[in-house]
N, C-alpha and C. Protein backbone atom coordinates (compact mmCIF):
# COMPACT_ATOMS: atom_id res chain seq x y z
N MET A 1 -53.77 -16.79 -5.22
CA MET A 1 -54.20 -16.37 -6.52
C MET A 1 -55.61 -15.82 -6.38
N LYS A 2 -55.82 -14.59 -6.83
CA LYS A 2 -57.13 -13.96 -6.74
C LYS A 2 -57.66 -13.72 -8.15
N ILE A 3 -58.86 -14.26 -8.41
CA ILE A 3 -59.52 -14.11 -9.70
C ILE A 3 -60.86 -13.43 -9.44
N THR A 4 -61.21 -12.47 -10.28
CA THR A 4 -62.49 -11.79 -10.15
C THR A 4 -63.15 -11.64 -11.51
N PHE A 5 -64.46 -11.57 -11.50
CA PHE A 5 -65.22 -11.18 -12.67
C PHE A 5 -66.53 -10.56 -12.21
N ASN A 6 -67.08 -9.67 -13.03
CA ASN A 6 -68.34 -9.02 -12.69
C ASN A 6 -69.47 -10.03 -12.73
N ARG A 7 -70.42 -9.84 -11.85
CA ARG A 7 -71.64 -10.65 -11.86
C ARG A 7 -72.62 -10.00 -12.82
N PRO A 8 -73.19 -10.77 -13.74
CA PRO A 8 -74.18 -10.16 -14.63
C PRO A 8 -75.43 -9.78 -13.84
N VAL A 9 -75.97 -8.60 -14.13
CA VAL A 9 -77.15 -8.14 -13.42
C VAL A 9 -78.39 -8.29 -14.29
N ILE A 10 -78.34 -7.75 -15.50
CA ILE A 10 -79.52 -7.78 -16.36
C ILE A 10 -79.28 -8.68 -17.57
N ASP A 11 -78.28 -8.37 -18.37
CA ASP A 11 -78.03 -9.12 -19.60
C ASP A 11 -77.11 -10.29 -19.31
N GLY A 12 -77.67 -11.49 -19.25
CA GLY A 12 -76.90 -12.67 -18.91
C GLY A 12 -75.91 -13.10 -19.98
N THR A 13 -75.98 -12.50 -21.19
CA THR A 13 -75.08 -12.91 -22.27
C THR A 13 -73.94 -11.91 -22.48
N LYS A 14 -73.87 -10.89 -21.67
CA LYS A 14 -72.81 -9.89 -21.80
C LYS A 14 -71.45 -10.52 -21.45
N ALA A 15 -70.41 -10.17 -22.23
CA ALA A 15 -69.07 -10.69 -21.96
C ALA A 15 -68.57 -10.16 -20.61
N LEU A 16 -68.01 -11.06 -19.80
CA LEU A 16 -67.47 -10.70 -18.50
C LEU A 16 -65.96 -10.81 -18.55
N VAL A 17 -65.26 -9.75 -18.17
CA VAL A 17 -63.80 -9.75 -18.14
C VAL A 17 -63.33 -10.53 -16.92
N ILE A 18 -62.35 -11.41 -17.13
CA ILE A 18 -61.76 -12.20 -16.04
C ILE A 18 -60.42 -11.56 -15.69
N GLU A 19 -60.22 -11.28 -14.42
CA GLU A 19 -58.96 -10.71 -13.96
C GLU A 19 -58.30 -11.63 -12.94
N GLN A 20 -57.00 -11.76 -13.08
CA GLN A 20 -56.21 -12.49 -12.09
C GLN A 20 -55.22 -11.51 -11.49
N ASP A 21 -55.33 -11.30 -10.19
CA ASP A 21 -54.47 -10.35 -9.47
C ASP A 21 -54.46 -9.00 -10.17
N GLY A 22 -55.65 -8.57 -10.67
CA GLY A 22 -55.81 -7.26 -11.28
C GLY A 22 -55.45 -7.16 -12.75
N VAL A 23 -55.03 -8.27 -13.38
CA VAL A 23 -54.63 -8.27 -14.78
C VAL A 23 -55.67 -9.05 -15.60
N ASN A 24 -56.08 -8.47 -16.74
CA ASN A 24 -57.05 -9.13 -17.62
C ASN A 24 -56.44 -10.40 -18.20
N ILE A 25 -57.11 -11.56 -17.97
CA ILE A 25 -56.58 -12.83 -18.49
C ILE A 25 -57.55 -13.50 -19.46
N GLY A 26 -58.68 -12.86 -19.71
CA GLY A 26 -59.64 -13.44 -20.64
C GLY A 26 -61.03 -12.90 -20.41
N GLU A 27 -61.99 -13.52 -21.09
CA GLU A 27 -63.38 -13.15 -20.88
C GLU A 27 -64.27 -14.36 -21.07
N MET A 28 -65.48 -14.25 -20.58
CA MET A 28 -66.43 -15.35 -20.72
C MET A 28 -67.83 -14.78 -20.84
N ARG A 29 -68.70 -15.60 -21.36
CA ARG A 29 -70.09 -15.19 -21.46
C ARG A 29 -70.97 -16.43 -21.39
N ARG A 30 -72.17 -16.20 -20.94
CA ARG A 30 -73.17 -17.26 -20.90
C ARG A 30 -73.93 -17.23 -22.22
N TRP A 31 -74.34 -18.38 -22.68
CA TRP A 31 -75.14 -18.44 -23.91
C TRP A 31 -76.30 -19.38 -23.71
N PHE A 32 -77.34 -19.19 -24.51
CA PHE A 32 -78.58 -19.95 -24.37
C PHE A 32 -78.91 -20.67 -25.67
N ARG A 33 -79.43 -21.87 -25.54
CA ARG A 33 -79.86 -22.65 -26.70
C ARG A 33 -81.31 -22.32 -27.05
N PRO A 34 -81.72 -22.66 -28.28
CA PRO A 34 -83.14 -22.50 -28.62
C PRO A 34 -84.00 -23.36 -27.69
N GLN A 35 -85.23 -22.93 -27.51
CA GLN A 35 -86.17 -23.58 -26.58
C GLN A 35 -86.21 -25.09 -26.74
N ASN A 36 -86.27 -25.60 -27.97
CA ASN A 36 -86.42 -27.04 -28.19
C ASN A 36 -85.14 -27.83 -27.92
N GLU A 37 -84.02 -27.18 -27.67
CA GLU A 37 -82.76 -27.87 -27.39
C GLU A 37 -82.34 -27.81 -25.93
N ARG A 38 -83.08 -27.11 -25.09
CA ARG A 38 -82.72 -26.94 -23.68
C ARG A 38 -83.04 -28.18 -22.86
N PRO A 39 -82.24 -28.43 -21.81
CA PRO A 39 -82.55 -29.56 -20.93
C PRO A 39 -83.75 -29.29 -20.02
N ALA A 40 -84.21 -28.04 -19.93
CA ALA A 40 -85.38 -27.67 -19.14
C ALA A 40 -86.15 -26.60 -19.90
N ASN A 41 -87.38 -26.34 -19.51
CA ASN A 41 -88.22 -25.39 -20.23
C ASN A 41 -87.76 -23.95 -20.11
N SER A 42 -87.34 -23.53 -18.94
CA SER A 42 -86.98 -22.14 -18.71
C SER A 42 -85.51 -21.88 -19.05
N PRO A 43 -85.20 -20.73 -19.65
CA PRO A 43 -83.80 -20.43 -19.96
C PRO A 43 -82.93 -20.23 -18.72
N ILE A 44 -83.52 -19.93 -17.55
CA ILE A 44 -82.68 -19.75 -16.36
C ILE A 44 -82.00 -21.05 -15.96
N TYR A 45 -82.55 -22.18 -16.40
CA TYR A 45 -81.94 -23.47 -16.09
C TYR A 45 -80.96 -23.93 -17.17
N ASP A 46 -80.80 -23.14 -18.22
CA ASP A 46 -79.90 -23.47 -19.32
C ASP A 46 -78.58 -22.75 -19.10
N VAL A 47 -77.64 -23.39 -18.42
CA VAL A 47 -76.37 -22.77 -18.04
C VAL A 47 -75.27 -23.28 -18.96
N ASN A 48 -74.85 -22.41 -19.88
CA ASN A 48 -73.79 -22.73 -20.84
C ASN A 48 -72.81 -21.57 -20.85
N ILE A 49 -71.52 -21.86 -20.81
CA ILE A 49 -70.51 -20.82 -20.68
C ILE A 49 -69.43 -21.01 -21.75
N ILE A 50 -69.00 -19.91 -22.37
CA ILE A 50 -67.84 -19.89 -23.27
C ILE A 50 -66.77 -19.07 -22.56
N VAL A 51 -65.55 -19.60 -22.46
CA VAL A 51 -64.43 -18.91 -21.83
C VAL A 51 -63.33 -18.78 -22.87
N GLU A 52 -62.83 -17.57 -23.05
CA GLU A 52 -61.72 -17.33 -23.96
C GLU A 52 -60.55 -16.77 -23.16
N SER A 53 -59.43 -17.48 -23.21
CA SER A 53 -58.24 -17.03 -22.49
C SER A 53 -57.09 -16.95 -23.49
N ARG A 54 -55.94 -16.56 -23.00
CA ARG A 54 -54.74 -16.54 -23.85
C ARG A 54 -54.34 -17.94 -24.27
N GLN A 55 -54.68 -18.94 -23.46
CA GLN A 55 -54.25 -20.31 -23.71
C GLN A 55 -55.20 -21.11 -24.58
N ALA A 56 -56.52 -20.87 -24.45
CA ALA A 56 -57.49 -21.73 -25.14
C ALA A 56 -58.88 -21.11 -25.09
N THR A 57 -59.78 -21.75 -25.82
CA THR A 57 -61.21 -21.45 -25.73
C THR A 57 -61.88 -22.67 -25.12
N TYR A 58 -62.67 -22.43 -24.08
CA TYR A 58 -63.35 -23.51 -23.37
C TYR A 58 -64.86 -23.33 -23.55
N LYS A 59 -65.56 -24.43 -23.68
CA LYS A 59 -67.01 -24.40 -23.81
C LYS A 59 -67.59 -25.37 -22.80
N ILE A 60 -68.48 -24.87 -21.94
CA ILE A 60 -69.15 -25.68 -20.93
C ILE A 60 -70.62 -25.71 -21.35
N THR A 61 -71.09 -26.89 -21.78
CA THR A 61 -72.44 -27.03 -22.34
C THR A 61 -73.26 -27.96 -21.46
N GLN A 62 -74.39 -27.45 -20.98
CA GLN A 62 -75.23 -28.26 -20.10
C GLN A 62 -75.87 -29.41 -20.87
N GLN A 63 -75.83 -30.59 -20.26
CA GLN A 63 -76.40 -31.79 -20.85
C GLN A 63 -77.69 -32.21 -20.18
N SER A 64 -77.76 -32.01 -18.86
CA SER A 64 -78.97 -32.43 -18.15
C SER A 64 -79.24 -31.50 -16.97
N PHE A 65 -80.50 -31.51 -16.57
CA PHE A 65 -80.93 -30.76 -15.40
C PHE A 65 -82.15 -31.47 -14.84
N THR A 66 -81.98 -32.15 -13.71
CA THR A 66 -83.12 -32.71 -13.00
C THR A 66 -82.83 -32.64 -11.50
N LEU A 67 -83.87 -32.55 -10.71
CA LEU A 67 -83.68 -32.51 -9.27
C LEU A 67 -83.06 -33.80 -8.75
N ARG A 68 -83.48 -34.92 -9.31
CA ARG A 68 -83.01 -36.22 -8.83
C ARG A 68 -81.60 -36.54 -9.31
N GLU A 69 -81.33 -36.24 -10.58
CA GLU A 69 -80.04 -36.61 -11.18
C GLU A 69 -79.01 -35.48 -11.17
N GLY A 70 -79.41 -34.28 -10.80
CA GLY A 70 -78.48 -33.16 -10.74
C GLY A 70 -78.20 -32.56 -12.11
N HIS A 71 -77.21 -31.71 -12.15
CA HIS A 71 -76.80 -31.04 -13.37
C HIS A 71 -75.61 -31.78 -13.97
N SER A 72 -75.44 -31.68 -15.29
CA SER A 72 -74.21 -32.17 -15.90
C SER A 72 -73.90 -31.34 -17.13
N TRP A 73 -72.61 -31.14 -17.37
CA TRP A 73 -72.12 -30.36 -18.48
C TRP A 73 -70.97 -31.11 -19.16
N ILE A 74 -70.78 -30.85 -20.44
CA ILE A 74 -69.61 -31.32 -21.18
C ILE A 74 -68.62 -30.16 -21.22
N LEU A 75 -67.34 -30.45 -20.96
CA LEU A 75 -66.28 -29.44 -21.05
C LEU A 75 -65.46 -29.71 -22.30
N GLU A 76 -65.36 -28.70 -23.15
CA GLU A 76 -64.53 -28.79 -24.35
C GLU A 76 -63.42 -27.76 -24.28
N GLU A 77 -62.25 -28.13 -24.77
CA GLU A 77 -61.13 -27.21 -24.89
C GLU A 77 -60.74 -27.18 -26.36
N ASN A 78 -60.87 -26.01 -26.98
CA ASN A 78 -60.59 -25.86 -28.41
C ASN A 78 -61.33 -26.92 -29.23
N THR A 79 -62.59 -27.12 -28.96
CA THR A 79 -63.53 -28.05 -29.61
C THR A 79 -63.30 -29.53 -29.29
N ASN A 80 -62.35 -29.87 -28.45
CA ASN A 80 -62.13 -31.27 -28.04
C ASN A 80 -62.70 -31.50 -26.65
N LYS A 81 -63.47 -32.57 -26.49
CA LYS A 81 -64.01 -32.89 -25.17
C LYS A 81 -62.86 -33.29 -24.24
N VAL A 82 -62.77 -32.61 -23.09
CA VAL A 82 -61.71 -32.91 -22.13
C VAL A 82 -62.24 -33.29 -20.76
N GLY A 83 -63.57 -33.29 -20.59
CA GLY A 83 -64.09 -33.68 -19.29
C GLY A 83 -65.55 -33.35 -19.14
N GLU A 84 -66.00 -33.49 -17.91
CA GLU A 84 -67.37 -33.21 -17.54
C GLU A 84 -67.38 -32.38 -16.26
N VAL A 85 -68.42 -31.59 -16.12
CA VAL A 85 -68.69 -30.89 -14.88
C VAL A 85 -70.04 -31.44 -14.42
N VAL A 86 -70.09 -31.93 -13.19
CA VAL A 86 -71.31 -32.55 -12.70
C VAL A 86 -71.74 -31.91 -11.38
N GLY A 87 -73.05 -31.88 -11.16
CA GLY A 87 -73.62 -31.32 -9.94
C GLY A 87 -74.05 -32.42 -9.00
N ALA A 88 -74.40 -32.00 -7.80
CA ALA A 88 -74.86 -32.95 -6.78
C ALA A 88 -76.19 -33.57 -7.19
N LYS A 89 -76.36 -34.83 -6.85
CA LYS A 89 -77.61 -35.53 -7.14
C LYS A 89 -78.44 -35.59 -5.88
N GLY A 90 -79.71 -35.25 -6.00
CA GLY A 90 -80.62 -35.35 -4.86
C GLY A 90 -81.10 -33.99 -4.38
N LEU A 91 -82.32 -33.96 -3.97
CA LEU A 91 -82.98 -32.73 -3.56
C LEU A 91 -82.39 -32.13 -2.29
N PHE A 92 -81.90 -32.95 -1.38
CA PHE A 92 -81.45 -32.45 -0.10
C PHE A 92 -79.93 -32.36 0.04
N LYS A 93 -79.22 -32.40 -1.08
CA LYS A 93 -77.77 -32.25 -1.08
C LYS A 93 -77.39 -30.77 -1.16
N ARG A 94 -76.25 -30.43 -0.58
CA ARG A 94 -75.74 -29.07 -0.74
C ARG A 94 -75.37 -28.86 -2.20
N HIS A 95 -75.53 -27.63 -2.67
CA HIS A 95 -75.18 -27.32 -4.06
C HIS A 95 -73.68 -27.50 -4.24
N GLN A 96 -73.32 -28.22 -5.29
CA GLN A 96 -71.90 -28.38 -5.61
C GLN A 96 -71.75 -28.75 -7.07
N ILE A 97 -70.58 -28.47 -7.59
CA ILE A 97 -70.21 -28.97 -8.91
C ILE A 97 -68.78 -29.48 -8.83
N GLU A 98 -68.46 -30.40 -9.71
CA GLU A 98 -67.10 -30.92 -9.74
C GLU A 98 -66.64 -31.13 -11.17
N LEU A 99 -65.37 -30.91 -11.38
CA LEU A 99 -64.74 -31.14 -12.67
C LEU A 99 -64.12 -32.53 -12.65
N VAL A 100 -64.53 -33.35 -13.63
CA VAL A 100 -63.99 -34.70 -13.78
C VAL A 100 -63.32 -34.74 -15.14
N SER A 101 -61.98 -34.89 -15.14
CA SER A 101 -61.24 -34.81 -16.39
C SER A 101 -59.90 -35.54 -16.26
N GLU A 102 -59.46 -36.13 -17.35
CA GLU A 102 -58.12 -36.71 -17.35
C GLU A 102 -57.06 -35.65 -17.63
N SER A 103 -57.48 -34.50 -18.14
CA SER A 103 -56.56 -33.42 -18.49
C SER A 103 -56.26 -32.48 -17.32
N TYR A 104 -57.15 -32.46 -16.33
CA TYR A 104 -57.02 -31.53 -15.21
C TYR A 104 -57.23 -32.26 -13.90
N PRO A 105 -56.71 -31.68 -12.80
CA PRO A 105 -56.96 -32.29 -11.49
C PRO A 105 -58.46 -32.25 -11.18
N HIS A 106 -58.87 -33.06 -10.24
CA HIS A 106 -60.27 -33.10 -9.80
C HIS A 106 -60.54 -31.84 -8.99
N PHE A 107 -61.49 -31.02 -9.47
CA PHE A 107 -61.90 -29.81 -8.75
C PHE A 107 -63.32 -29.97 -8.27
N ASN A 108 -63.60 -29.40 -7.11
CA ASN A 108 -64.92 -29.46 -6.53
C ASN A 108 -65.21 -28.10 -5.89
N ILE A 109 -66.42 -27.59 -6.11
CA ILE A 109 -66.88 -26.39 -5.41
C ILE A 109 -68.17 -26.79 -4.72
N VAL A 110 -68.19 -26.66 -3.41
CA VAL A 110 -69.39 -27.03 -2.64
C VAL A 110 -69.79 -25.85 -1.77
N THR A 111 -71.10 -25.60 -1.72
CA THR A 111 -71.58 -24.46 -0.96
C THR A 111 -71.40 -24.69 0.54
N THR A 112 -71.15 -23.60 1.24
CA THR A 112 -71.11 -23.67 2.70
C THR A 112 -72.55 -23.70 3.19
N TRP A 113 -72.74 -24.11 4.41
CA TRP A 113 -74.10 -24.08 4.98
C TRP A 113 -74.45 -22.64 5.22
N GLY A 114 -75.58 -22.23 4.78
CA GLY A 114 -76.02 -20.84 4.92
C GLY A 114 -76.76 -20.41 3.68
N PHE A 115 -77.13 -19.16 3.65
CA PHE A 115 -78.00 -18.69 2.58
C PHE A 115 -77.27 -17.96 1.46
N LYS A 116 -76.02 -17.60 1.64
CA LYS A 116 -75.32 -16.82 0.63
C LYS A 116 -74.76 -17.67 -0.49
N GLY A 117 -74.53 -18.94 -0.27
CA GLY A 117 -74.03 -19.80 -1.33
C GLY A 117 -72.53 -19.75 -1.52
N ASN A 118 -71.79 -19.14 -0.59
CA ASN A 118 -70.34 -19.12 -0.71
C ASN A 118 -69.84 -20.54 -0.91
N GLY A 119 -68.82 -20.71 -1.73
CA GLY A 119 -68.34 -22.04 -2.04
C GLY A 119 -66.92 -22.29 -1.58
N ILE A 120 -66.67 -23.50 -1.14
CA ILE A 120 -65.32 -23.96 -0.80
C ILE A 120 -64.77 -24.68 -2.02
N ILE A 121 -63.58 -24.30 -2.46
CA ILE A 121 -62.95 -24.92 -3.63
C ILE A 121 -61.92 -25.94 -3.15
N SER A 122 -62.03 -27.15 -3.67
CA SER A 122 -61.07 -28.21 -3.34
C SER A 122 -60.46 -28.74 -4.62
N MET A 123 -59.22 -29.17 -4.52
CA MET A 123 -58.52 -29.83 -5.62
C MET A 123 -57.98 -31.14 -5.10
N ASN A 124 -58.32 -32.24 -5.77
CA ASN A 124 -57.90 -33.56 -5.33
C ASN A 124 -58.22 -33.78 -3.85
N ASN A 125 -59.43 -33.38 -3.45
CA ASN A 125 -59.96 -33.55 -2.10
C ASN A 125 -59.24 -32.76 -1.02
N LYS A 126 -58.49 -31.72 -1.41
CA LYS A 126 -57.81 -30.84 -0.45
C LYS A 126 -58.34 -29.43 -0.65
N GLU A 127 -58.83 -28.81 0.42
CA GLU A 127 -59.35 -27.45 0.33
C GLU A 127 -58.23 -26.49 -0.06
N ILE A 128 -58.46 -25.71 -1.14
CA ILE A 128 -57.43 -24.79 -1.62
C ILE A 128 -57.90 -23.34 -1.67
N GLY A 129 -59.19 -23.10 -1.41
CA GLY A 129 -59.67 -21.72 -1.45
C GLY A 129 -61.17 -21.64 -1.39
N ASP A 130 -61.68 -20.47 -1.81
CA ASP A 130 -63.13 -20.28 -1.77
C ASP A 130 -63.58 -19.31 -2.85
N THR A 131 -64.88 -19.25 -3.02
CA THR A 131 -65.51 -18.29 -3.92
C THR A 131 -66.65 -17.61 -3.19
N THR A 132 -66.74 -16.30 -3.36
CA THR A 132 -67.79 -15.50 -2.72
C THR A 132 -68.28 -14.47 -3.73
N THR A 133 -69.34 -13.78 -3.37
CA THR A 133 -69.80 -12.66 -4.18
C THR A 133 -69.73 -11.41 -3.33
N SER A 134 -69.61 -10.26 -4.00
CA SER A 134 -69.62 -8.99 -3.28
C SER A 134 -70.52 -8.03 -4.04
N GLY A 135 -71.01 -7.04 -3.35
CA GLY A 135 -71.88 -6.04 -3.97
C GLY A 135 -73.26 -6.61 -4.24
N PHE A 136 -74.17 -5.73 -4.62
CA PHE A 136 -75.51 -6.19 -4.97
C PHE A 136 -75.80 -5.80 -6.41
N VAL A 137 -76.02 -4.54 -6.67
CA VAL A 137 -76.23 -4.10 -8.05
C VAL A 137 -74.98 -3.38 -8.54
N LYS A 138 -74.50 -2.45 -7.76
CA LYS A 138 -73.31 -1.68 -8.14
C LYS A 138 -72.06 -2.42 -7.68
N ASN A 139 -71.07 -2.51 -8.55
CA ASN A 139 -69.80 -3.19 -8.25
C ASN A 139 -70.00 -4.63 -7.81
N SER A 140 -70.94 -5.31 -8.43
CA SER A 140 -71.24 -6.70 -8.10
C SER A 140 -70.20 -7.61 -8.75
N LYS A 141 -69.48 -8.38 -7.94
CA LYS A 141 -68.39 -9.22 -8.44
C LYS A 141 -68.45 -10.63 -7.85
N VAL A 142 -67.85 -11.56 -8.58
CA VAL A 142 -67.58 -12.89 -8.06
C VAL A 142 -66.09 -12.93 -7.76
N LEU A 143 -65.74 -13.41 -6.58
CA LEU A 143 -64.34 -13.47 -6.14
C LEU A 143 -63.93 -14.92 -5.97
N ILE A 144 -62.74 -15.24 -6.44
CA ILE A 144 -62.16 -16.57 -6.27
C ILE A 144 -60.80 -16.35 -5.63
N ASP A 145 -60.54 -16.99 -4.51
CA ASP A 145 -59.27 -16.85 -3.82
C ASP A 145 -58.74 -18.25 -3.53
N THR A 146 -57.65 -18.63 -4.22
CA THR A 146 -57.09 -19.98 -4.06
C THR A 146 -55.58 -19.91 -3.88
N GLU A 147 -55.04 -21.05 -3.51
CA GLU A 147 -53.59 -21.21 -3.53
C GLU A 147 -53.12 -21.04 -4.97
N PRO A 148 -51.84 -20.76 -5.22
CA PRO A 148 -51.36 -20.67 -6.60
C PRO A 148 -51.48 -22.02 -7.31
N ILE A 149 -52.31 -22.09 -8.34
CA ILE A 149 -52.52 -23.35 -9.06
C ILE A 149 -52.42 -23.14 -10.57
N ASP A 150 -51.80 -22.03 -10.99
CA ASP A 150 -51.69 -21.68 -12.41
C ASP A 150 -51.10 -22.80 -13.25
N SER A 151 -50.18 -23.56 -12.70
CA SER A 151 -49.51 -24.62 -13.46
C SER A 151 -50.40 -25.85 -13.64
N LEU A 152 -51.51 -25.93 -12.90
CA LEU A 152 -52.38 -27.11 -12.95
C LEU A 152 -53.64 -26.89 -13.78
N ILE A 153 -54.10 -25.64 -13.85
CA ILE A 153 -55.32 -25.32 -14.59
C ILE A 153 -55.25 -23.86 -15.01
N ASP A 154 -55.75 -23.59 -16.20
CA ASP A 154 -55.85 -22.22 -16.69
C ASP A 154 -56.77 -21.46 -15.74
N PRO A 155 -56.31 -20.37 -15.13
CA PRO A 155 -57.17 -19.62 -14.20
C PRO A 155 -58.48 -19.16 -14.85
N ALA A 156 -58.47 -18.89 -16.16
CA ALA A 156 -59.71 -18.50 -16.84
C ALA A 156 -60.70 -19.67 -16.86
N LEU A 157 -60.21 -20.90 -17.02
CA LEU A 157 -61.09 -22.07 -16.96
C LEU A 157 -61.67 -22.22 -15.56
N LEU A 158 -60.88 -22.00 -14.53
CA LEU A 158 -61.39 -22.06 -13.16
C LEU A 158 -62.49 -21.01 -12.97
N ALA A 159 -62.31 -19.82 -13.57
CA ALA A 159 -63.35 -18.80 -13.51
C ALA A 159 -64.62 -19.29 -14.20
N GLY A 160 -64.48 -19.96 -15.35
CA GLY A 160 -65.64 -20.49 -16.06
C GLY A 160 -66.39 -21.55 -15.26
N ILE A 161 -65.64 -22.41 -14.59
CA ILE A 161 -66.27 -23.44 -13.75
C ILE A 161 -66.98 -22.77 -12.57
N THR A 162 -66.36 -21.73 -12.03
CA THR A 162 -66.97 -21.00 -10.92
C THR A 162 -68.23 -20.27 -11.39
N TYR A 163 -68.19 -19.71 -12.60
CA TYR A 163 -69.37 -19.05 -13.16
C TYR A 163 -70.50 -20.07 -13.34
N THR A 164 -70.16 -21.27 -13.74
CA THR A 164 -71.14 -22.35 -13.87
C THR A 164 -71.75 -22.65 -12.50
N TYR A 165 -70.91 -22.72 -11.47
CA TYR A 165 -71.38 -22.95 -10.10
C TYR A 165 -72.40 -21.89 -9.70
N TRP A 166 -72.03 -20.61 -9.87
CA TRP A 166 -72.91 -19.52 -9.44
C TRP A 166 -74.18 -19.47 -10.29
N SER A 167 -74.08 -19.72 -11.60
CA SER A 167 -75.24 -19.63 -12.48
C SER A 167 -76.23 -20.75 -12.20
N SER A 168 -75.75 -21.90 -11.76
CA SER A 168 -76.66 -23.01 -11.49
C SER A 168 -77.11 -23.06 -10.03
N PHE A 169 -76.62 -22.16 -9.19
CA PHE A 169 -76.97 -22.14 -7.78
C PHE A 169 -78.44 -21.77 -7.60
N ASN A 170 -79.11 -22.50 -6.72
CA ASN A 170 -80.53 -22.30 -6.41
C ASN A 170 -81.44 -22.47 -7.61
N LYS A 171 -80.98 -23.17 -8.62
CA LYS A 171 -81.83 -23.41 -9.78
C LYS A 171 -82.42 -24.81 -9.73
N GLY A 172 -82.07 -25.58 -8.73
CA GLY A 172 -82.56 -26.94 -8.67
C GLY A 172 -83.42 -27.10 -7.52
């Protein structure tokens, strides 16, 4: 299963089209809270994503951001809380996020060793694919390549979790 979406270059709130195997399956956008409601002072650390697919609307809202305690987000599906997305705790840990939910399998994206931040995607502790970026300014995309898992998670939600991974990368 191949999922792609454009990487935002300038306007971080622009809607991004999500494609699965070349077919439009939804869109997502990043949103920012007012200064006094953010978990950190700078908006670059405020990573919140709305995903709209044919199946549902998902909202990933950041709850915390600290170097020691890591990142954490609440995941809502059609306004109902269905889980959490949490980041690695500790300054010297590799960047990673994981989905913890009773509604979905356990997903984890952890960066490979190196400077590009490519991520290995695992489901229930089994490696099922990866995420990379391509391009720089022109034709800049995020790529997700996994085993077929459509029956286990909405591919648009997986794109939203991956967007959260990339948006929070190198921010801690």
